[in-house]
Each structure stands twice: as structure tokens, then as C-alpha cells.
Amino acid sequence: MGGVPRNMKGRQGTNRDGVENVDHFDDKPDAPDASNPRRSTEAGGESDSNAGTGRNDGRDERGRFVGDGNRPWADREQVGLDRVADREGVDVIRDQVRATIPGVRKPGVSTDQPRYYDGLFKNPDGTYTGVEVKSGTATRDPAQRLFDGTVSRDRPAGAILDGERIEIIQVILEKVE
């Protein structure tokens, strides 16, 4: 059984369902020691902060994110960006950049709304296309739809990529199931 080891005390009798009680757990966990490799880093085991990460999905045995940097949606994002690269015959830049359009703001906010795309690619004329990947039932929020609907050759989004100013003139929404 995973989790915190507990002090065991024998107990005789049956529970209300007629199942015989042989042992039970009390409420006090044992202190970590070298005899339990899951609790002791001295014995070469996992520390508490990494316990259960053997699932290889960035979650512990209870399904909680453990903060190891794993992004479960990253595989779908990669699939979407790969599809765009293949379909458009381009190299997709997978660095996220902060794009803005002068005057495009969320209601009640006095600064230009930033937008981060999952990828970009350079168009033949030197401008860029932003790529947004959505997977499963995910959709763009209203602010993203407003921003993406405003992006055009006449009203490009500006961003800095590798220290140079770029213009994003169109957006591709790639759905991945």
C-alpha cells in the first residue's frame, strides 16, 4: 500500500459487516527512516516531493500534478504544430512570443491585450503566421477570439522574436482530438 506508513496494532473481532479485524491503522504516521526507500533519500529512494511520479505523466499515484514541469497537453500541441508544418510546408517556430495589437484591450483594462501563440512560421514576404492549437473540447476564450479576429495584414500583431520585431498577419487554429 502506497502513501505514509502507519503504526500497526493488532485487534481481534469483526466489523459491522462481519469481516474479521486482524490489524488496523492508527492515526500517527511513522517517522521517515532508511528502512523505507520511498520515504528516505538517504537510502537512495524517492523523496516525498517525487513519490509516485513513476506514472510518467507528471502526476502522483493520487492523480495530482507534482510540479515536475511535465505538461500533459504538450504532446497534443506538438501533434498540432507538426500537422501545420507538414500541411503548409514550413518550419514552425515553437517559441512562444508576446504579441500585441495597439488598441486591442480586454474591457476595463488600460493596456494592450497580450496574446501568446503555440507556434509561428515565417511567410514568404517576411511576415509571420501565428498558430494556436486546441485539443479535445478546448476552445479559444472570448479575448483570444477577439484578438485573432483582429489580426490582419492591415492590422498586424507585433512581437519580438530573437531580438527582432516581427509582424503576425494571420492566425491558424489547429484542432487536435
Foldseek 3Di string as FASTA:
>chain_A
DDDFAFDKDADFDADPVRHTGGIDGDDDGDDDDLVDQCPDVVVVHHHPLCAQCVVVQQARPVRHHSPPPHDNCVVQLVVQQVVCCVVVVFDKAQDWWWWFFPPLDDPPDDDTDTDTARTWTADPVRAIEGEHEDEDPDDDDPSVCVVQVQAAPVTWIWTADPNDIHTHRHYHYGYYD
